[in-house]
Structures are given as structure tokens and as C-alpha cells.
N, C-alpha and C. Protein backbone atom coordinates (compact mmCIF):
# COMPACT_ATOMS: atom_id res chain seq x y z
N MET A 1 0.80 -1.15 0.00
CA MET A 1 0.01 0.02 0.01
C MET A 1 0.90 1.25 0.00
N LYS A 2 0.47 2.23 -0.84
CA LYS A 2 1.26 3.43 -1.01
C LYS A 2 0.59 4.55 -0.25
N LEU A 3 1.38 5.36 0.40
CA LEU A 3 0.85 6.45 1.16
C LEU A 3 0.70 7.70 0.25
N GLU A 4 -0.38 8.44 0.45
CA GLU A 4 -0.60 9.67 -0.27
C GLU A 4 -0.34 10.86 0.57
N PRO A 5 0.32 11.86 -0.02
CA PRO A 5 0.61 13.05 0.80
C PRO A 5 -0.67 13.86 1.05
N LEU A 6 -0.75 14.41 2.20
CA LEU A 6 -1.91 15.21 2.60
C LEU A 6 -1.41 16.61 2.91
N VAL A 7 -2.01 17.63 2.20
CA VAL A 7 -1.59 19.00 2.38
C VAL A 7 -2.49 19.61 3.49
N MET A 8 -1.86 20.08 4.49
CA MET A 8 -2.61 20.62 5.64
C MET A 8 -2.79 22.12 5.55
N SER A 9 -1.79 22.82 5.03
CA SER A 9 -1.89 24.28 4.89
C SER A 9 -0.85 24.75 3.88
N VAL A 10 -1.05 26.00 3.40
CA VAL A 10 -0.13 26.59 2.43
C VAL A 10 0.28 27.94 2.98
N SER A 11 1.62 28.17 2.93
CA SER A 11 2.10 29.43 3.39
C SER A 11 2.15 30.38 2.21
N ALA A 12 1.30 31.43 2.22
CA ALA A 12 1.21 32.36 1.09
C ALA A 12 2.44 33.21 0.93
N SER A 13 3.27 33.28 1.95
CA SER A 13 4.48 34.10 1.85
C SER A 13 5.70 33.30 1.45
N HIS A 14 5.57 32.02 1.18
CA HIS A 14 6.68 31.14 0.78
C HIS A 14 7.17 31.59 -0.62
N SER A 15 8.50 31.52 -0.85
CA SER A 15 9.10 32.01 -2.08
C SER A 15 8.59 31.25 -3.33
N GLU A 16 8.36 29.96 -3.23
CA GLU A 16 7.89 29.21 -4.39
C GLU A 16 6.44 29.54 -4.70
N VAL A 17 5.65 29.84 -3.72
CA VAL A 17 4.26 30.24 -3.94
C VAL A 17 4.21 31.60 -4.61
N LEU A 18 5.10 32.51 -4.15
CA LEU A 18 5.12 33.85 -4.72
C LEU A 18 5.63 33.83 -6.15
N SER A 19 6.51 32.94 -6.51
CA SER A 19 7.10 32.90 -7.86
C SER A 19 6.25 32.09 -8.84
N HIS A 20 5.17 31.51 -8.42
CA HIS A 20 4.27 30.73 -9.26
C HIS A 20 3.58 31.61 -10.28
N THR A 21 3.63 31.25 -11.57
CA THR A 21 2.88 31.93 -12.61
C THR A 21 1.68 31.12 -13.02
N PRO A 22 0.51 31.70 -13.14
CA PRO A 22 -0.65 30.91 -13.47
C PRO A 22 -0.60 30.49 -14.94
N TYR A 23 -1.23 29.41 -15.26
CA TYR A 23 -1.30 28.90 -16.64
C TYR A 23 -2.43 29.62 -17.38
N VAL A 24 -2.15 29.86 -18.68
CA VAL A 24 -3.16 30.51 -19.51
C VAL A 24 -3.97 29.43 -20.20
N SER A 25 -5.28 29.46 -20.06
CA SER A 25 -6.13 28.47 -20.70
C SER A 25 -6.68 29.03 -21.97
N LEU A 26 -7.28 28.17 -22.80
CA LEU A 26 -7.91 28.61 -24.02
C LEU A 26 -9.10 29.53 -23.76
N HIS A 27 -9.79 29.31 -22.65
CA HIS A 27 -10.89 30.19 -22.28
C HIS A 27 -10.36 31.61 -21.99
N ASP A 28 -9.25 31.71 -21.31
CA ASP A 28 -8.68 33.02 -21.02
C ASP A 28 -8.31 33.76 -22.35
N ILE A 29 -7.73 33.04 -23.30
CA ILE A 29 -7.40 33.63 -24.58
C ILE A 29 -8.62 34.07 -25.33
N GLN A 30 -9.68 33.28 -25.34
CA GLN A 30 -10.91 33.63 -26.01
C GLN A 30 -11.52 34.91 -25.38
N LEU A 31 -11.54 34.99 -24.06
CA LEU A 31 -12.10 36.16 -23.40
C LEU A 31 -11.29 37.42 -23.74
N LYS A 32 -9.98 37.26 -23.77
CA LYS A 32 -9.11 38.42 -24.14
C LYS A 32 -9.38 38.90 -25.55
N GLU A 33 -9.50 37.94 -26.52
CA GLU A 33 -9.79 38.31 -27.90
C GLU A 33 -11.16 38.98 -28.05
N GLU A 34 -12.18 38.45 -27.34
CA GLU A 34 -13.49 39.05 -27.39
C GLU A 34 -13.50 40.47 -26.86
N LYS A 35 -12.80 40.71 -25.78
CA LYS A 35 -12.67 42.05 -25.21
C LYS A 35 -12.00 43.00 -26.19
N GLN A 36 -10.94 42.52 -26.83
CA GLN A 36 -10.20 43.33 -27.79
C GLN A 36 -11.07 43.66 -28.99
N GLU A 37 -11.83 42.69 -29.53
CA GLU A 37 -12.70 42.94 -30.65
C GLU A 37 -13.80 43.96 -30.28
N LYS A 38 -14.32 43.83 -29.05
CA LYS A 38 -15.36 44.76 -28.58
C LYS A 38 -14.77 46.19 -28.54
N ARG A 39 -13.55 46.31 -27.99
CA ARG A 39 -12.92 47.64 -27.88
C ARG A 39 -12.66 48.22 -29.27
N GLU A 40 -12.17 47.40 -30.19
CA GLU A 40 -11.92 47.91 -31.58
C GLU A 40 -13.22 48.31 -32.27
N GLY A 41 -14.28 47.58 -32.04
CA GLY A 41 -15.59 47.94 -32.61
C GLY A 41 -16.08 49.26 -32.08
N GLU A 42 -15.93 49.47 -30.78
CA GLU A 42 -16.33 50.74 -30.18
C GLU A 42 -15.46 51.89 -30.72
N GLU A 43 -14.20 51.63 -30.90
CA GLU A 43 -13.27 52.69 -31.41
C GLU A 43 -13.62 53.02 -32.86
N ARG A 44 -13.97 52.02 -33.68
CA ARG A 44 -14.34 52.29 -35.06
C ARG A 44 -15.65 53.08 -35.13
N ALA A 45 -16.54 52.82 -34.18
CA ALA A 45 -17.82 53.56 -34.14
C ALA A 45 -17.59 55.01 -33.78
N ARG A 46 -16.58 55.30 -32.94
CA ARG A 46 -16.34 56.68 -32.55
C ARG A 46 -15.60 57.47 -33.64
N VAL A 47 -14.71 56.82 -34.35
CA VAL A 47 -13.89 57.50 -35.37
C VAL A 47 -14.61 57.49 -36.71
N GLN A 48 -14.73 58.65 -37.35
CA GLN A 48 -15.30 58.75 -38.65
C GLN A 48 -14.17 58.82 -39.69
N GLU A 49 -14.28 58.00 -40.74
CA GLU A 49 -13.26 58.01 -41.77
C GLU A 49 -13.45 59.20 -42.71
N MET A 50 -12.34 59.78 -43.10
CA MET A 50 -12.37 60.89 -44.04
C MET A 50 -12.10 60.38 -45.43
N GLU A 51 -12.86 60.83 -46.39
CA GLU A 51 -12.63 60.43 -47.77
C GLU A 51 -11.96 61.59 -48.47
N ILE A 52 -10.77 61.34 -48.98
CA ILE A 52 -9.97 62.37 -49.66
C ILE A 52 -9.91 62.01 -51.14
N LYS A 53 -10.22 63.03 -51.95
CA LYS A 53 -10.24 62.82 -53.39
C LYS A 53 -9.12 63.69 -54.01
N GLU A 54 -8.27 63.03 -54.80
CA GLU A 54 -7.16 63.78 -55.47
C GLU A 54 -7.68 64.37 -56.76
N LEU A 55 -7.39 65.64 -56.94
CA LEU A 55 -7.85 66.38 -58.15
C LEU A 55 -6.67 67.15 -58.73
N TRP A 56 -6.80 67.47 -60.03
CA TRP A 56 -5.81 68.27 -60.70
C TRP A 56 -6.49 69.41 -61.44
N LYS A 57 -5.82 70.56 -61.42
CA LYS A 57 -6.37 71.72 -62.10
C LYS A 57 -5.34 72.23 -63.14
N PRO A 58 -5.75 72.56 -64.33
CA PRO A 58 -4.80 73.10 -65.29
C PRO A 58 -4.09 74.35 -64.78
N HIS A 59 -2.79 74.42 -65.08
CA HIS A 59 -1.99 75.48 -64.55
C HIS A 59 -1.36 76.28 -65.72
N THR A 60 -1.57 77.58 -65.71
CA THR A 60 -1.13 78.45 -66.82
C THR A 60 0.40 78.46 -66.93
N GLN A 61 1.12 78.61 -65.81
CA GLN A 61 2.56 78.73 -65.82
C GLN A 61 3.25 77.47 -66.36
N SER A 62 2.71 76.31 -66.10
CA SER A 62 3.37 75.08 -66.54
C SER A 62 3.00 74.72 -67.95
N GLY A 63 1.96 75.36 -68.51
CA GLY A 63 1.58 75.07 -69.90
C GLY A 63 0.45 74.10 -70.08
N SER A 64 -0.02 73.53 -68.98
CA SER A 64 -1.11 72.58 -69.09
C SER A 64 -2.46 73.25 -69.42
N ALA A 65 -2.63 74.51 -69.06
CA ALA A 65 -3.85 75.22 -69.38
C ALA A 65 -4.00 75.39 -70.92
N ARG A 66 -2.90 75.53 -71.60
CA ARG A 66 -2.94 75.67 -73.06
C ARG A 66 -3.49 74.42 -73.68
N PHE A 67 -3.07 73.26 -73.16
CA PHE A 67 -3.58 71.96 -73.70
C PHE A 67 -5.09 71.91 -73.59
N PHE A 68 -5.64 72.37 -72.44
CA PHE A 68 -7.09 72.28 -72.26
C PHE A 68 -7.84 73.28 -73.08
N THR A 69 -7.33 74.51 -73.22
CA THR A 69 -8.01 75.52 -74.03
C THR A 69 -7.94 75.16 -75.53
N GLU A 70 -6.81 74.70 -76.01
CA GLU A 70 -6.66 74.32 -77.40
C GLU A 70 -7.48 73.09 -77.74
N GLY A 71 -7.63 72.20 -76.77
CA GLY A 71 -8.42 70.98 -76.99
C GLY A 71 -9.92 71.18 -76.81
N GLY A 72 -10.34 72.34 -76.35
CA GLY A 72 -11.74 72.63 -76.18
C GLY A 72 -12.32 72.13 -74.87
N PHE A 73 -11.42 71.91 -73.90
CA PHE A 73 -11.88 71.45 -72.57
C PHE A 73 -11.90 72.59 -71.60
N ASP A 74 -12.61 72.43 -70.48
CA ASP A 74 -12.69 73.49 -69.46
C ASP A 74 -11.36 73.61 -68.70
N SER A 75 -10.76 74.78 -68.79
CA SER A 75 -9.44 74.95 -68.17
C SER A 75 -9.57 75.44 -66.73
N SER A 76 -10.76 75.70 -66.24
CA SER A 76 -10.93 76.12 -64.87
C SER A 76 -11.47 75.01 -63.97
N ALA A 77 -11.81 73.85 -64.56
CA ALA A 77 -12.40 72.74 -63.80
C ALA A 77 -11.31 71.92 -63.12
N LEU A 78 -11.74 71.18 -62.10
CA LEU A 78 -10.86 70.20 -61.41
C LEU A 78 -11.11 68.83 -61.99
N TYR A 79 -10.05 68.09 -62.26
CA TYR A 79 -10.15 66.80 -62.90
C TYR A 79 -9.61 65.68 -62.00
N THR A 80 -10.32 64.54 -62.00
CA THR A 80 -9.76 63.34 -61.34
C THR A 80 -8.82 62.69 -62.34
N TYR A 81 -8.07 61.69 -61.86
CA TYR A 81 -7.12 61.00 -62.75
C TYR A 81 -7.87 60.30 -63.89
N ALA A 82 -9.01 59.71 -63.59
CA ALA A 82 -9.80 59.02 -64.65
C ALA A 82 -10.32 60.01 -65.65
N GLU A 83 -10.73 61.20 -65.22
CA GLU A 83 -11.18 62.22 -66.15
C GLU A 83 -10.01 62.76 -67.02
N LEU A 84 -8.82 62.80 -66.40
CA LEU A 84 -7.63 63.21 -67.22
C LEU A 84 -7.37 62.21 -68.33
N LYS A 85 -7.50 60.91 -67.99
CA LYS A 85 -7.32 59.88 -68.99
C LYS A 85 -8.28 60.04 -70.14
N VAL A 86 -9.56 60.25 -69.78
CA VAL A 86 -10.58 60.44 -70.82
C VAL A 86 -10.29 61.67 -71.69
N THR A 87 -9.86 62.72 -71.02
CA THR A 87 -9.54 63.98 -71.78
C THR A 87 -8.39 63.74 -72.76
N VAL A 88 -7.34 63.07 -72.31
CA VAL A 88 -6.19 62.80 -73.18
C VAL A 88 -6.64 61.88 -74.34
N ILE A 89 -7.41 60.91 -74.06
CA ILE A 89 -7.85 59.96 -75.12
C ILE A 89 -8.73 60.72 -76.15
N LYS A 90 -9.62 61.60 -75.69
CA LYS A 90 -10.44 62.40 -76.59
C LYS A 90 -9.56 63.29 -77.45
N TYR A 91 -8.60 63.93 -76.84
CA TYR A 91 -7.69 64.83 -77.60
C TYR A 91 -6.88 64.06 -78.64
N VAL A 92 -6.38 62.89 -78.22
CA VAL A 92 -5.53 62.09 -79.11
C VAL A 92 -6.34 61.61 -80.29
N THR A 93 -7.57 61.12 -80.04
CA THR A 93 -8.41 60.60 -81.13
C THR A 93 -8.87 61.76 -82.02
N ALA A 94 -9.19 62.91 -81.46
CA ALA A 94 -9.64 64.09 -82.24
C ALA A 94 -8.54 64.58 -83.16
N CYS A 95 -7.29 64.57 -82.68
CA CYS A 95 -6.16 65.05 -83.49
C CYS A 95 -5.48 63.93 -84.27
N GLN A 96 -6.03 62.73 -84.21
CA GLN A 96 -5.52 61.52 -84.92
C GLN A 96 -4.02 61.33 -84.61
N LEU A 97 -3.72 61.24 -83.32
CA LEU A 97 -2.33 61.03 -82.89
C LEU A 97 -2.02 59.62 -82.45
N VAL A 98 -2.97 58.71 -82.64
CA VAL A 98 -2.78 57.29 -82.25
C VAL A 98 -1.78 56.67 -83.20
N ASN A 99 -0.78 55.98 -82.69
CA ASN A 99 0.24 55.34 -83.49
C ASN A 99 -0.41 54.21 -84.30
N VAL A 100 -0.13 54.17 -85.60
CA VAL A 100 -0.74 53.20 -86.48
C VAL A 100 -0.26 51.80 -86.16
N HIS A 101 0.99 51.62 -85.80
CA HIS A 101 1.56 50.32 -85.59
C HIS A 101 1.24 49.74 -84.20
N ASP A 102 1.08 50.61 -83.23
CA ASP A 102 0.81 50.15 -81.84
C ASP A 102 -0.18 51.12 -81.23
N GLN A 103 -1.41 50.67 -80.99
CA GLN A 103 -2.49 51.52 -80.49
C GLN A 103 -2.22 52.07 -79.09
N ALA A 104 -1.36 51.45 -78.35
CA ALA A 104 -1.05 51.92 -76.94
C ALA A 104 -0.18 53.16 -76.96
N TYR A 105 0.46 53.46 -78.08
CA TYR A 105 1.35 54.61 -78.16
C TYR A 105 0.69 55.80 -78.85
N VAL A 106 1.18 56.99 -78.49
CA VAL A 106 0.70 58.24 -79.04
C VAL A 106 1.86 58.93 -79.77
N ASN A 107 1.59 59.47 -80.94
CA ASN A 107 2.59 60.21 -81.68
C ASN A 107 2.63 61.67 -81.10
N VAL A 108 3.46 61.84 -80.10
CA VAL A 108 3.52 63.12 -79.39
C VAL A 108 4.14 64.19 -80.27
N SER A 109 5.11 63.82 -81.06
CA SER A 109 5.85 64.83 -81.82
C SER A 109 5.08 65.44 -82.98
N GLN A 110 3.92 64.85 -83.32
CA GLN A 110 3.11 65.36 -84.43
C GLN A 110 2.23 66.54 -84.03
N ASP A 111 2.07 66.76 -82.71
CA ASP A 111 1.18 67.84 -82.24
C ASP A 111 1.99 68.76 -81.36
N GLU A 112 2.10 70.03 -81.75
CA GLU A 112 2.89 71.02 -81.01
C GLU A 112 2.38 71.27 -79.62
N VAL A 113 1.07 71.36 -79.47
CA VAL A 113 0.45 71.64 -78.16
C VAL A 113 0.75 70.51 -77.16
N LEU A 114 0.54 69.27 -77.61
CA LEU A 114 0.77 68.09 -76.76
C LEU A 114 2.26 67.98 -76.43
N LEU A 115 3.09 68.19 -77.41
CA LEU A 115 4.54 68.09 -77.19
C LEU A 115 5.02 69.13 -76.18
N SER A 116 4.55 70.36 -76.32
CA SER A 116 5.01 71.43 -75.39
C SER A 116 4.45 71.16 -73.96
N THR A 117 3.29 70.55 -73.87
CA THR A 117 2.69 70.25 -72.56
C THR A 117 3.42 69.09 -71.88
N VAL A 118 3.69 68.08 -72.61
CA VAL A 118 4.25 66.83 -72.05
C VAL A 118 5.78 66.88 -71.86
N ALA A 119 6.46 67.60 -72.72
CA ALA A 119 7.94 67.63 -72.65
C ALA A 119 8.44 68.29 -71.41
N GLY A 120 9.53 67.75 -70.89
CA GLY A 120 10.19 68.33 -69.71
C GLY A 120 11.05 69.54 -70.10
N LYS A 121 11.70 70.15 -69.15
CA LYS A 121 12.49 71.33 -69.44
C LYS A 121 13.65 71.05 -70.34
N ASN A 122 14.32 69.93 -70.16
CA ASN A 122 15.56 69.64 -70.95
C ASN A 122 15.31 68.57 -72.01
N GLU A 123 14.05 68.31 -72.39
CA GLU A 123 13.76 67.29 -73.36
C GLU A 123 13.50 67.92 -74.71
N SER A 124 13.93 67.24 -75.74
CA SER A 124 13.69 67.72 -77.09
C SER A 124 12.52 66.97 -77.70
N GLY A 125 12.02 67.43 -78.81
CA GLY A 125 10.91 66.77 -79.48
C GLY A 125 11.28 65.41 -80.05
N ASP A 126 12.57 65.20 -80.33
CA ASP A 126 13.01 63.94 -80.92
C ASP A 126 12.95 62.80 -79.88
N SER A 127 13.22 63.12 -78.65
CA SER A 127 13.23 62.07 -77.61
C SER A 127 11.80 61.68 -77.21
N LEU A 128 10.82 62.50 -77.54
CA LEU A 128 9.43 62.17 -77.24
C LEU A 128 8.58 61.91 -78.47
N GLU A 129 9.17 61.22 -79.46
CA GLU A 129 8.43 60.97 -80.68
C GLU A 129 7.17 60.12 -80.40
N PHE A 130 7.35 59.08 -79.59
CA PHE A 130 6.23 58.20 -79.21
C PHE A 130 6.21 58.09 -77.68
N SER A 131 5.05 58.03 -77.14
CA SER A 131 4.86 57.78 -75.70
C SER A 131 3.61 56.97 -75.46
N LYS A 132 3.63 56.17 -74.42
CA LYS A 132 2.42 55.45 -74.06
C LYS A 132 1.38 56.41 -73.54
N ARG A 133 0.11 56.05 -73.72
CA ARG A 133 -0.99 56.94 -73.24
C ARG A 133 -0.89 57.18 -71.76
N GLU A 134 -0.59 56.15 -70.98
CA GLU A 134 -0.51 56.31 -69.55
C GLU A 134 0.60 57.26 -69.14
N GLU A 135 1.70 57.21 -69.90
CA GLU A 135 2.81 58.12 -69.64
C GLU A 135 2.44 59.57 -69.95
N VAL A 136 1.67 59.76 -71.02
CA VAL A 136 1.19 61.10 -71.38
C VAL A 136 0.27 61.67 -70.29
N VAL A 137 -0.62 60.81 -69.77
CA VAL A 137 -1.52 61.25 -68.68
C VAL A 137 -0.72 61.58 -67.44
N GLN A 138 0.28 60.76 -67.13
CA GLN A 138 1.13 61.01 -65.97
C GLN A 138 1.90 62.31 -66.07
N ARG A 139 2.50 62.56 -67.26
CA ARG A 139 3.24 63.80 -67.44
C ARG A 139 2.32 65.02 -67.41
N LEU A 140 1.12 64.88 -67.94
CA LEU A 140 0.14 65.98 -67.92
C LEU A 140 -0.23 66.28 -66.47
N SER A 141 -0.47 65.28 -65.68
CA SER A 141 -0.84 65.48 -64.28
C SER A 141 0.29 66.13 -63.48
N GLU A 142 1.54 65.85 -63.86
CA GLU A 142 2.66 66.45 -63.20
C GLU A 142 2.75 67.96 -63.50
N LYS A 143 2.25 68.38 -64.64
CA LYS A 143 2.27 69.80 -65.01
C LYS A 143 1.07 70.59 -64.49
N MET A 144 0.17 69.89 -63.79
CA MET A 144 -1.04 70.53 -63.30
C MET A 144 -0.91 70.78 -61.79
N GLN A 145 -1.81 71.65 -61.24
CA GLN A 145 -1.84 71.93 -59.83
C GLN A 145 -2.53 70.78 -59.10
N ASN A 146 -1.97 70.30 -58.00
CA ASN A 146 -2.62 69.28 -57.19
C ASN A 146 -3.61 69.90 -56.23
N TRP A 147 -4.80 69.32 -56.19
CA TRP A 147 -5.82 69.73 -55.26
C TRP A 147 -6.34 68.50 -54.55
N SER A 148 -6.84 68.69 -53.34
CA SER A 148 -7.42 67.62 -52.55
C SER A 148 -8.80 68.06 -52.09
N GLU A 149 -9.75 67.14 -52.20
CA GLU A 149 -11.13 67.44 -51.76
C GLU A 149 -11.44 66.45 -50.62
N ILE A 150 -11.87 67.01 -49.50
CA ILE A 150 -12.15 66.18 -48.34
C ILE A 150 -13.65 66.05 -48.16
């Protein structure tokens, strides 16, 4: 027959009792996650998200206003990036600047207004003979004033 130990009392001030760390159960982890999700939900309800819209306006000093006036577009309006794309596509098709061999490219050097708008300070017309439509839109947006609408 084997004897079983019997615990009569525990000394709360004993060093081993004081150094004991409790075990974390799955229930404790679930409760902690639920509390955190509840806090995050309350925080999201308190905070209102701001919607910021990037816009571009033709700028006279950079030469982009000339592109809009010559093309018959409103030079005082604010344009989104998608509207700029549509504007460039309309201008390119109206002036028949689409490259015959590759539809993704624009013959920039054939139109003086487009060339002067898209060309950088140190670029010549020969280096910009052809450009992708997306690059033309990007260069046009760089020459325009940035605006933000909240």
C-alpha cells in the first residue's frame, strides 16, 4: 500500500508560492480576444473616416492650361485622374495622334500643343516621338496643380 501526501496548509508568503505563474487556458485567450474585438468595434464607431479625393487643375505657368483651351476642354475645372485619362484619349483621337503600328502609343511629336505640354524642361521633341498613353496622362498630371477634396 502506497501512502498519499496530505496538504494541511499553504504558506502564502513562501518564495515558491510567490514565484508561481498561473497557466493561460484557451478560455482566457478567448475572453481576451473578445474584449479586444469589442474595444476595436467601439473605437471604429467613434472614429469617422475621411474620404480624400485627389484632383488636378490646369496650370497656366506650366503650360497645361494651353492643352485644355486648345483641346476645347474646361481649363478652370478640377479633374480626377480618370477624367484626365478620358480627356487625353479624346484629344488624341480628335487630333488623330494614335500610333498606327501600336495603339497603346501616341505620336507626341506630331502635335505642337501636346509636345510642349508633355515635354520636360531639358527634353527635345526627338526624344518624345512616341509615348504610351498612360505616360502622357502621368506627365500631364505632373504639369497641373494638385488639389485635394475632403
